[in-house]
Amino acid sequence: MPNRIIGIWLLAAFAIISVLGVPSPARAEQMTAVSSEYRDRAADLLEILKGSQKEESFFASSFLDAVPLAQFRDLVNQLNTQYGEPLSVSRIIPASNTDGTVEITYTKAVLAMRMVLDSNAPYPVVGLLITGANMKDDNIGKIADEIAALSGLSGFQVADLSGDKPQTIVELNSSEQLAIGSTFKIYVLAELSRSIKAGERQWSDVTPLNRKSLPSGVLQDWPNGTPLTLQTLATMMISISDNSATDILIDVVGRDKVDEMMRRTGHTQPDKTAPMLKTLEMFALKMPSNSDLRQRYIKASETEQKQLLADEQARLGIDSVSIANLANEPVHIDTIEWFASPTDISNLLNHILKTNDPVVLDIIKVNSIIPPGDALRWNYIGGKGGSEPGVISFAFLTKSKSGKTYAISGSWNNSKAPVDNDKFTLIFNRLPNLIASR
């Protein structure tokens, strides 16, 4: 089931054009040679973008079944309108003989596109994803203006983490409490790390798959009782935003402890989020059939909310959730969600940095959620994203080539209409690129 259908999903790629089933790319630096087949297809891609109209020989039939020709050409026209004429292939970053990133220079920008080929001759393209756009003559002010112009509520912050406390470099509405979707899972990871450092448990501890949520993730489809280490669960929670892994970990460390960690890291309005909902509870509370529970929950004190969650588990289970009620429009994102301001996220990432848990730092860099070519601008980049209809959020912990460390985070909410995930992703991805050169 596509992750977009469920409320919380991981932005594994910044896609405008995509085909389901394309695997995540390998790390770009693992391979330097570009196969002749891939180089030829990159040249063909440039001609396609210029309007050669040879898509039927360029793409596999599976791609054109998923993205009809008319739709693809419309997207190409949109790119030309926004970025000008495609001029050249400026760089190829291979992940394998059939997978990599192609950077196309347009008049106004350089676009990064992940391109995946079929492994058999004549090597048609089975996947194409736009993963970033670096505007020429770009600057932080332009990005701030574009984010400020978005409908609904939006905010971001870039903070220098060199000192004891984050120091703001640039911000927009950085104190605004915004729905952050799955970005909240970093709080769960932080508490798990604390408990392990305190000797309460170990990364190698095993727990059975005894609780399932809905996607994003894969554990909902695994056999009940599958033994999983805490490190495996944490990695799945962050790298593929697995909701079942998240709910299991909240049970393992304790909801109260996650709430305490949220406060410890400097969340400025923790009462807006505490008690920290499990993903399945969040889904269930949004259901029309649970409108009475939802109203009671919204009006209750934090203590009363905890009691309600404990008493009403029978009505907050997986059988109470209908996917159709979560798929398309914002659903109670102002009240039933996880909230944090960009400042709160900077404080959280500063806590992660200062704790300096090597396992945590490795986990959050598994999927940095930026294009591999852009990731090479940094000595280190870790990330987490979150999304549901009406919500998109990003959080990056970065270490630059010059030795500086930054927190970069931002969110966009609209309670009245779905936000344009692709638009925000392409805007926001420009921010780390500019900060990397400081």
Protein backbone atom coordinates (compact mmCIF):
# COMPACT_ATOMS: atom_id res chain seq x y z
CA MET A 1 0.00 0.00 0.00
CA PRO A 2 1.52 3.39 -0.99
CA ASN A 3 2.77 5.41 1.97
CA ARG A 4 0.94 8.51 0.76
CA ILE A 5 -2.38 6.82 1.61
CA ILE A 6 -1.54 6.68 5.30
CA GLY A 7 -1.16 9.74 7.46
CA ILE A 8 2.44 9.35 8.59
CA TRP A 9 5.02 8.51 6.00
CA LEU A 10 8.70 8.90 5.44
CA LEU A 11 9.91 11.19 2.64
CA ALA A 12 12.48 8.76 1.31
CA ALA A 13 12.90 10.78 -1.90
CA PHE A 14 11.86 14.25 -3.02
CA ALA A 15 9.70 12.98 -5.84
CA ILE A 16 7.66 14.78 -8.45
CA ILE A 17 7.77 11.85 -10.86
CA SER A 18 7.88 8.39 -9.34
CA VAL A 19 7.06 4.75 -9.86
CA LEU A 20 6.28 2.49 -6.91
CA GLY A 21 8.69 -0.30 -6.14
CA VAL A 22 11.95 1.52 -6.95
CA PRO A 23 14.44 0.69 -4.16
CA SER A 24 16.35 3.28 -2.17
CA PRO A 25 19.66 4.21 -3.80
CA ALA A 26 22.96 3.02 -2.46
CA ARG A 27 25.32 5.62 -1.02
CA ALA A 28 26.78 7.59 -3.92
CA GLU A 29 30.37 7.51 -2.68
CA GLN A 30 30.48 3.72 -2.77
CA MET A 31 30.96 3.67 -6.52
CA THR A 32 32.69 6.05 -8.93
CA ALA A 33 32.42 4.39 -12.35
CA VAL A 34 29.48 5.24 -14.60
CA SER A 35 28.38 2.39 -16.86
CA SER A 36 28.13 3.09 -20.56
CA GLU A 37 24.46 2.10 -20.47
CA TYR A 38 23.73 4.58 -17.73
CA ARG A 39 25.69 7.35 -19.43
CA ASP A 40 23.78 6.77 -22.68
CA ARG A 41 20.44 6.90 -20.87
CA ALA A 42 21.46 10.13 -19.13
CA ALA A 43 22.11 11.70 -22.53
CA ASP A 44 18.74 10.40 -23.72
CA LEU A 45 17.09 11.93 -20.65
CA LEU A 46 18.37 15.37 -21.60
CA GLU A 47 16.86 14.99 -25.09
CA ILE A 48 13.56 13.81 -23.61
CA LEU A 49 13.48 16.90 -21.36
CA LYS A 50 14.20 19.05 -24.41
CA GLY A 51 11.12 17.63 -26.11
CA SER A 52 12.39 14.85 -28.38
CA GLN A 53 9.11 12.96 -27.71
CA LYS A 54 10.91 9.60 -27.66
CA GLU A 55 9.51 8.61 -24.28
CA GLU A 56 8.10 5.29 -25.47
CA SER A 57 11.55 3.97 -26.32
CA PHE A 58 13.13 5.62 -23.26
CA PHE A 59 10.78 4.41 -20.51
CA ALA A 60 9.76 0.87 -19.61
CA SER A 61 6.09 0.10 -20.14
CA SER A 62 5.67 -0.18 -16.35
CA PHE A 63 6.65 3.46 -15.99
CA LEU A 64 4.25 4.69 -18.64
CA ASP A 65 1.48 2.58 -17.11
CA ALA A 66 2.01 4.44 -13.84
CA VAL A 67 2.73 7.86 -15.38
CA PRO A 68 0.80 8.26 -18.66
CA LEU A 69 2.63 9.99 -21.48
CA ALA A 70 0.39 13.07 -21.42
CA GLN A 71 0.97 13.47 -17.69
CA PHE A 72 4.71 13.12 -18.07
CA ARG A 73 4.86 15.71 -20.86
CA ASP A 74 2.77 18.07 -18.77
CA LEU A 75 5.30 17.71 -15.93
CA VAL A 76 8.17 18.39 -18.32
CA ASN A 77 6.40 21.56 -19.49
CA GLN A 78 5.99 22.62 -15.86
CA LEU A 79 9.71 22.15 -15.28
CA ASN A 80 10.54 24.23 -18.35
CA THR A 81 8.19 26.98 -17.21
CA GLN A 82 9.70 27.06 -13.72
CA TYR A 83 13.38 26.43 -14.46
CA GLY A 84 13.89 27.45 -18.09
CA GLU A 85 15.46 25.39 -20.88
CA PRO A 86 17.34 22.15 -20.09
CA LEU A 87 20.90 22.73 -21.29
CA SER A 88 23.23 19.88 -20.36
CA VAL A 89 23.99 16.87 -18.19
CA SER A 90 26.28 18.47 -15.62
CA ARG A 91 27.03 15.44 -13.42
CA ILE A 92 26.21 11.76 -12.95
CA ILE A 93 26.47 10.25 -9.45
CA PRO A 94 26.23 6.46 -9.79
CA ALA A 95 24.93 4.11 -7.11
CA SER A 96 25.22 1.02 -9.34
CA ASN A 97 25.35 0.21 -13.05
CA THR A 98 21.61 0.87 -13.30
CA ASP A 99 20.88 3.35 -10.51
CA GLY A 100 22.11 6.83 -9.70
CA THR A 101 21.50 10.56 -9.79
CA VAL A 102 21.67 12.68 -12.94
CA GLU A 103 22.09 16.44 -12.54
CA ILE A 104 20.58 18.45 -15.39
CA THR A 105 21.54 22.10 -15.84
CA TYR A 106 18.57 24.30 -16.73
CA THR A 107 18.69 28.00 -17.49
CA LYS A 108 17.64 28.92 -13.96
CA ALA A 109 18.66 25.90 -11.88
CA VAL A 110 20.38 22.53 -11.64
CA LEU A 111 17.88 19.71 -11.10
CA ALA A 112 18.90 16.40 -9.54
CA MET A 113 16.99 13.37 -10.83
CA ARG A 114 17.29 9.84 -9.57
CA MET A 115 17.12 7.53 -12.59
CA VAL A 116 16.81 3.72 -12.39
CA LEU A 117 17.26 1.45 -15.42
CA ASP A 118 15.96 -2.01 -16.11
CA SER A 119 18.83 -4.47 -15.67
CA ASN A 120 18.22 -6.04 -19.09
CA ALA A 121 18.94 -4.64 -22.54
CA PRO A 122 17.89 -2.25 -23.97
CA TYR A 123 17.91 -0.85 -20.39
CA PRO A 124 14.71 1.22 -20.41
CA VAL A 125 14.11 3.60 -17.50
CA VAL A 126 11.87 2.08 -14.82
CA GLY A 127 12.06 4.92 -12.30
CA LEU A 128 12.60 8.67 -12.45
CA LEU A 129 12.38 10.97 -9.45
CA ILE A 130 13.16 14.65 -9.16
CA THR A 131 15.14 14.85 -5.95
CA GLY A 132 16.21 18.48 -5.72
CA ALA A 133 16.55 21.82 -7.44
CA ASN A 134 19.45 24.21 -6.86
CA MET A 135 18.41 27.62 -8.12
CA LYS A 136 21.03 29.85 -9.71
CA ASP A 137 21.69 33.03 -7.74
CA ASP A 138 19.72 31.48 -4.87
CA ASN A 139 19.84 32.92 -1.36
CA ILE A 140 18.27 32.32 2.03
CA GLY A 141 16.12 35.42 1.70
CA LYS A 142 14.44 34.03 -1.42
CA ILE A 143 13.74 30.75 0.35
CA ALA A 144 12.29 32.55 3.38
CA ASP A 145 10.02 34.60 1.11
CA GLU A 146 8.77 31.48 -0.68
CA ILE A 147 8.06 29.67 2.59
CA ALA A 148 6.32 32.75 4.01
CA ALA A 149 4.07 32.88 0.94
CA LEU A 150 2.72 29.35 1.48
CA SER A 151 -0.94 29.07 2.45
CA GLY A 152 -1.66 28.13 6.05
CA LEU A 153 1.11 28.18 8.68
CA SER A 154 4.81 27.64 8.03
CA GLY A 155 8.10 28.20 9.76
CA PHE A 156 11.75 27.19 9.77
CA GLN A 157 15.00 27.75 11.60
CA VAL A 158 18.68 27.30 10.90
CA ALA A 159 20.70 27.21 14.11
CA ASP A 160 24.43 26.97 14.80
CA LEU A 161 25.07 24.21 17.35
CA SER A 162 28.69 25.07 18.11
CA GLY A 163 27.95 26.42 21.60
CA ASP A 164 26.01 25.07 24.54
CA LYS A 165 22.73 26.40 23.16
CA PRO A 166 21.56 26.73 19.54
CA GLN A 167 22.24 30.14 18.04
CA THR A 168 19.77 31.22 15.38
CA ILE A 169 21.23 32.06 11.98
CA VAL A 170 17.97 32.57 10.12
CA GLU A 171 14.35 31.89 11.03
CA LEU A 172 10.74 32.38 10.10
CA ASN A 173 8.01 31.87 12.71
CA SER A 174 10.49 29.79 14.68
CA SER A 175 8.38 29.88 17.87
CA GLU A 176 5.18 28.74 16.12
CA GLN A 177 3.88 25.37 17.32
CA LEU A 178 3.38 23.34 14.15
CA ALA A 179 2.23 19.79 13.46
CA ILE A 180 5.37 17.79 12.63
CA GLY A 181 4.08 14.31 11.69
CA SER A 182 6.68 11.57 12.03
CA THR A 183 9.45 13.99 12.94
CA PHE A 184 8.27 13.38 16.53
CA LYS A 185 9.97 9.98 16.38
CA ILE A 186 13.31 11.67 17.11
CA TYR A 187 12.00 12.24 20.67
CA VAL A 188 11.40 8.50 21.03
CA LEU A 189 14.92 7.80 19.76
CA ALA A 190 16.40 10.32 22.21
CA GLU A 191 14.67 8.65 25.17
CA LEU A 192 15.72 5.18 24.04
CA SER A 193 19.32 6.40 23.86
CA ARG A 194 19.09 7.89 27.38
CA SER A 195 17.73 4.65 28.81
CA ILE A 196 20.54 2.66 27.24
CA LYS A 197 23.23 5.05 28.48
CA ALA A 198 21.64 4.77 31.95
CA GLY A 199 22.02 0.99 31.84
CA GLU A 200 18.26 0.35 31.88
CA ARG A 201 18.43 -1.64 28.64
CA GLN A 202 20.79 -2.42 25.75
CA TRP A 203 20.61 -1.90 22.00
CA SER A 204 20.85 -5.67 21.64
CA ASP A 205 17.80 -6.35 23.84
CA VAL A 206 15.16 -8.33 21.94
CA THR A 207 11.43 -7.67 22.00
CA PRO A 208 8.76 -9.51 20.02
CA LEU A 209 6.60 -7.91 17.35
CA ASN A 210 3.60 -7.68 19.65
CA ARG A 211 1.96 -4.46 18.47
CA LYS A 212 1.11 -3.35 14.95
CA SER A 213 0.09 -0.02 13.50
CA LEU A 214 -0.58 1.06 9.91
CA PRO A 215 2.02 2.10 7.32
CA SER A 216 4.36 3.82 6.79
CA GLY A 217 6.74 0.96 7.39
CA VAL A 218 6.77 -2.79 6.88
CA LEU A 219 6.42 -4.43 10.27
CA GLN A 220 2.62 -4.43 10.04
CA ASP A 221 3.07 -7.22 7.45
CA TRP A 222 5.61 -9.30 9.40
CA PRO A 223 4.65 -12.38 11.42
CA ASN A 224 3.41 -11.77 14.95
CA GLY A 225 6.07 -12.45 17.55
CA THR A 226 9.06 -11.84 15.26
CA PRO A 227 12.03 -11.12 17.56
CA LEU A 228 13.52 -7.67 17.00
CA THR A 229 16.40 -5.90 18.72
CA LEU A 230 15.87 -2.39 20.01
CA GLN A 231 18.49 -1.15 17.54
CA THR A 232 16.59 -2.75 14.66
CA LEU A 233 13.33 -1.18 15.81
CA ALA A 234 14.97 2.23 16.22
CA THR A 235 16.59 2.06 12.79
CA MET A 236 13.30 1.11 11.15
CA MET A 237 11.46 3.84 13.07
CA ILE A 238 13.78 6.54 11.75
CA SER A 239 14.99 5.30 8.35
CA ILE A 240 11.64 4.09 6.95
CA SER A 241 9.40 5.76 9.54
CA ASP A 242 7.95 2.41 10.60
CA ASN A 243 4.89 3.14 12.75
CA SER A 244 4.71 -0.32 14.33
CA ALA A 245 8.35 -0.02 15.43
CA THR A 246 7.55 3.38 16.91
CA ASP A 247 4.61 2.16 18.96
CA ILE A 248 6.59 -0.82 20.27
CA LEU A 249 9.42 1.47 21.34
CA ILE A 250 7.06 3.86 23.13
CA ASP A 251 5.80 0.84 25.06
CA VAL A 252 9.36 -0.29 25.81
CA VAL A 253 10.66 3.02 27.16
CA GLY A 254 7.34 4.29 28.53
CA ARG A 255 5.16 7.15 27.34
CA ASP A 256 5.88 9.19 30.48
CA LYS A 257 9.60 8.92 29.81
CA VAL A 258 9.20 10.18 26.24
CA ASP A 259 7.18 13.12 27.58
CA GLU A 260 9.93 13.79 30.10
CA MET A 261 12.54 13.71 27.33
CA MET A 262 10.49 16.20 25.31
CA ARG A 263 10.59 18.58 28.27
CA ARG A 264 14.26 17.87 29.00
CA THR A 265 15.33 18.82 25.49
CA GLY A 266 13.73 22.25 25.82
CA HIS A 267 10.35 21.95 24.14
CA THR A 268 8.74 25.34 24.72
CA GLN A 269 5.11 24.13 24.92
CA PRO A 270 5.23 20.44 25.87
CA ASP A 271 1.65 20.45 27.15
CA LYS A 272 0.48 20.86 23.56
CA THR A 273 1.85 17.40 22.68
CA ALA A 274 2.05 15.46 25.95
CA PRO A 275 0.97 12.77 26.41
CA MET A 276 2.89 11.60 23.34
CA LEU A 277 0.43 9.67 21.21
CA LYS A 278 1.35 6.38 19.63
CA THR A 279 0.76 6.36 15.89
CA LEU A 280 -2.20 3.99 16.07
CA GLU A 281 -3.82 6.09 18.80
CA MET A 282 -3.44 9.16 16.62
CA PHE A 283 -5.05 7.41 13.66
CA ALA A 284 -7.91 6.08 15.79
CA LEU A 285 -8.68 9.38 17.50
CA LYS A 286 -9.14 10.98 14.08
CA MET A 287 -11.84 8.49 13.05
CA PRO A 288 -15.45 9.76 12.71
CA SER A 289 -16.63 6.82 14.79
CA ASN A 290 -14.49 8.08 17.67
CA SER A 291 -15.71 11.68 17.60
CA ASP A 292 -16.93 11.43 21.21
CA LEU A 293 -13.53 10.14 22.38
CA ARG A 294 -11.78 12.83 20.38
CA GLN A 295 -13.81 15.62 21.98
CA ARG A 296 -13.21 14.20 25.45
CA TYR A 297 -9.50 13.92 24.71
CA ILE A 298 -9.18 17.48 23.40
CA LYS A 299 -10.95 18.95 26.45
CA ALA A 300 -9.16 16.79 29.03
CA SER A 301 -6.11 17.64 31.14
CA GLU A 302 -2.87 15.78 30.47
CA THR A 303 -3.56 13.40 33.35
CA GLU A 304 -7.10 12.80 32.11
CA GLN A 305 -5.82 12.21 28.59
CA LYS A 306 -3.45 9.51 29.81
CA GLN A 307 -6.30 7.82 31.63
CA LEU A 308 -8.55 8.00 28.58
CA LEU A 309 -5.86 6.37 26.42
CA ALA A 310 -5.47 3.59 28.98
CA ASP A 311 -9.20 3.02 29.44
CA GLU A 312 -10.23 3.15 25.77
CA GLN A 313 -7.65 0.87 24.14
CA ALA A 314 -10.46 -1.33 22.79
CA ARG A 315 -11.71 1.60 20.72
CA LEU A 316 -8.23 2.74 19.71
CA GLY A 317 -7.11 -0.48 18.05
CA ILE A 318 -6.32 -1.20 14.43
CA ASP A 319 -9.84 -2.44 13.69
CA SER A 320 -11.22 1.02 14.44
CA VAL A 321 -9.19 2.72 11.70
CA SER A 322 -10.39 3.19 8.12
CA ILE A 323 -7.69 4.16 5.64
CA ALA A 324 -10.21 6.11 3.56
CA ASN A 325 -10.61 8.62 6.39
CA LEU A 326 -6.89 9.47 6.36
CA ALA A 327 -5.97 9.52 2.71
CA ASN A 328 -6.76 12.83 1.11
CA GLU A 329 -7.76 15.77 3.31
CA PRO A 330 -6.36 17.22 6.56
CA VAL A 331 -8.02 15.54 9.54
CA HIS A 332 -7.90 17.36 12.90
CA ILE A 333 -4.26 18.35 12.41
CA ASP A 334 -4.73 21.31 14.79
CA THR A 335 -5.68 19.11 17.74
CA ILE A 336 -4.72 15.44 17.27
CA GLU A 337 -1.07 15.48 16.25
CA TRP A 338 2.48 15.94 17.48
CA PHE A 339 3.55 19.57 17.77
CA ALA A 340 6.86 21.39 17.96
CA SER A 341 8.24 24.72 16.85
CA PRO A 342 11.38 24.99 14.72
CA THR A 343 13.12 26.21 17.88
CA ASP A 344 12.01 23.05 19.70
CA ILE A 345 13.46 20.90 16.93
CA SER A 346 16.76 22.81 17.06
CA ASN A 347 16.87 22.12 20.80
CA LEU A 348 16.14 18.44 20.20
CA LEU A 349 18.86 18.09 17.56
CA ASN A 350 21.28 19.93 19.85
CA HIS A 351 20.50 17.35 22.53
CA ILE A 352 21.21 14.54 20.04
CA LEU A 353 24.50 16.19 19.09
CA LYS A 354 25.67 16.85 22.65
CA THR A 355 24.69 13.35 23.82
CA ASN A 356 27.01 12.05 21.08
CA ASP A 357 25.59 8.53 21.00
CA PRO A 358 27.33 6.91 17.99
CA VAL A 359 24.44 4.47 17.45
CA VAL A 360 21.92 7.32 17.30
CA LEU A 361 24.10 9.34 14.93
CA ASP A 362 24.43 6.29 12.68
CA ILE A 363 20.68 5.65 12.76
CA ILE A 364 19.62 9.14 11.71
CA LYS A 365 22.05 9.18 8.78
CA VAL A 366 20.76 5.91 7.27
CA ASN A 367 18.25 7.93 5.27
CA SER A 368 19.27 11.58 5.25
CA ILE A 369 16.21 12.36 3.03
CA ILE A 370 18.17 14.57 0.67
CA PRO A 371 19.55 13.66 -2.77
CA PRO A 372 22.85 11.75 -2.64
CA GLY A 373 24.64 14.43 -4.63
CA ASP A 374 23.59 17.10 -2.14
CA ALA A 375 24.55 14.86 0.79
CA LEU A 376 28.13 14.91 -0.50
CA ARG A 377 28.28 18.63 0.37
CA TRP A 378 28.41 17.65 4.05
CA ASN A 379 30.80 15.70 6.26
CA TYR A 380 27.70 14.38 8.04
CA ILE A 381 23.98 14.75 7.52
CA GLY A 382 21.18 12.98 9.32
CA GLY A 383 17.51 13.60 8.82
CA LYS A 384 13.90 12.77 9.56
CA GLY A 385 10.76 13.88 7.86
CA GLY A 386 7.06 13.61 8.50
CA SER A 387 3.91 14.07 6.48
CA GLU A 388 0.18 13.58 6.39
CA PRO A 389 -2.48 15.51 4.45
CA GLY A 390 -2.06 19.12 5.54
CA VAL A 391 1.33 18.51 7.20
CA ILE A 392 4.93 18.28 6.05
CA SER A 393 8.02 18.61 8.23
CA PHE A 394 11.80 18.18 8.00
CA ALA A 395 14.64 18.07 10.52
CA PHE A 396 18.33 17.85 9.59
CA LEU A 397 21.43 17.54 11.80
CA THR A 398 24.46 18.52 9.72
CA LYS A 399 28.23 18.90 9.99
CA SER A 400 29.83 21.02 7.29
CA LYS A 401 33.15 20.56 5.53
CA SER A 402 34.39 23.61 7.47
CA GLY A 403 33.62 21.88 10.77
CA LYS A 404 30.45 23.76 11.72
CA THR A 405 27.36 21.96 12.97
CA TYR A 406 23.81 23.06 12.23
CA ALA A 407 20.22 22.19 12.96
CA ILE A 408 17.96 22.87 9.97
CA SER A 409 14.23 22.32 10.42
CA GLY A 410 10.90 23.50 9.10
CA SER A 411 7.24 22.64 8.76
CA TRP A 412 4.20 23.64 6.73
CA ASN A 413 0.62 23.11 7.92
CA ASN A 414 -2.73 23.80 6.33
CA SER A 415 -5.81 22.56 8.17
CA LYS A 416 -8.12 23.40 5.26
CA ALA A 417 -6.38 21.73 2.30
CA PRO A 418 -3.53 19.29 1.59
CA VAL A 419 -0.13 20.91 1.39
CA ASP A 420 1.95 20.45 -1.74
CA ASN A 421 4.63 18.07 -0.46
CA ASP A 422 6.70 18.24 -3.62
CA LYS A 423 6.69 22.03 -3.67
CA PHE A 424 7.80 22.34 -0.05
CA THR A 425 10.42 19.64 -0.47
CA LEU A 426 12.00 21.32 -3.47
CA ILE A 427 11.99 24.70 -1.68
CA PHE A 428 13.32 23.34 1.58
CA ASN A 429 16.04 21.18 0.03
CA ARG A 430 17.70 24.35 -1.23
CA LEU A 431 18.30 25.50 2.34
CA PRO A 432 20.89 22.85 3.36
CA ASN A 433 22.71 23.41 0.08
CA LEU A 434 23.16 27.09 0.84
CA ILE A 435 24.12 26.51 4.47
CA ALA A 436 26.71 23.88 3.48
CA SER A 437 28.87 26.53 1.84
CA ARG A 438 29.04 28.83 4.89
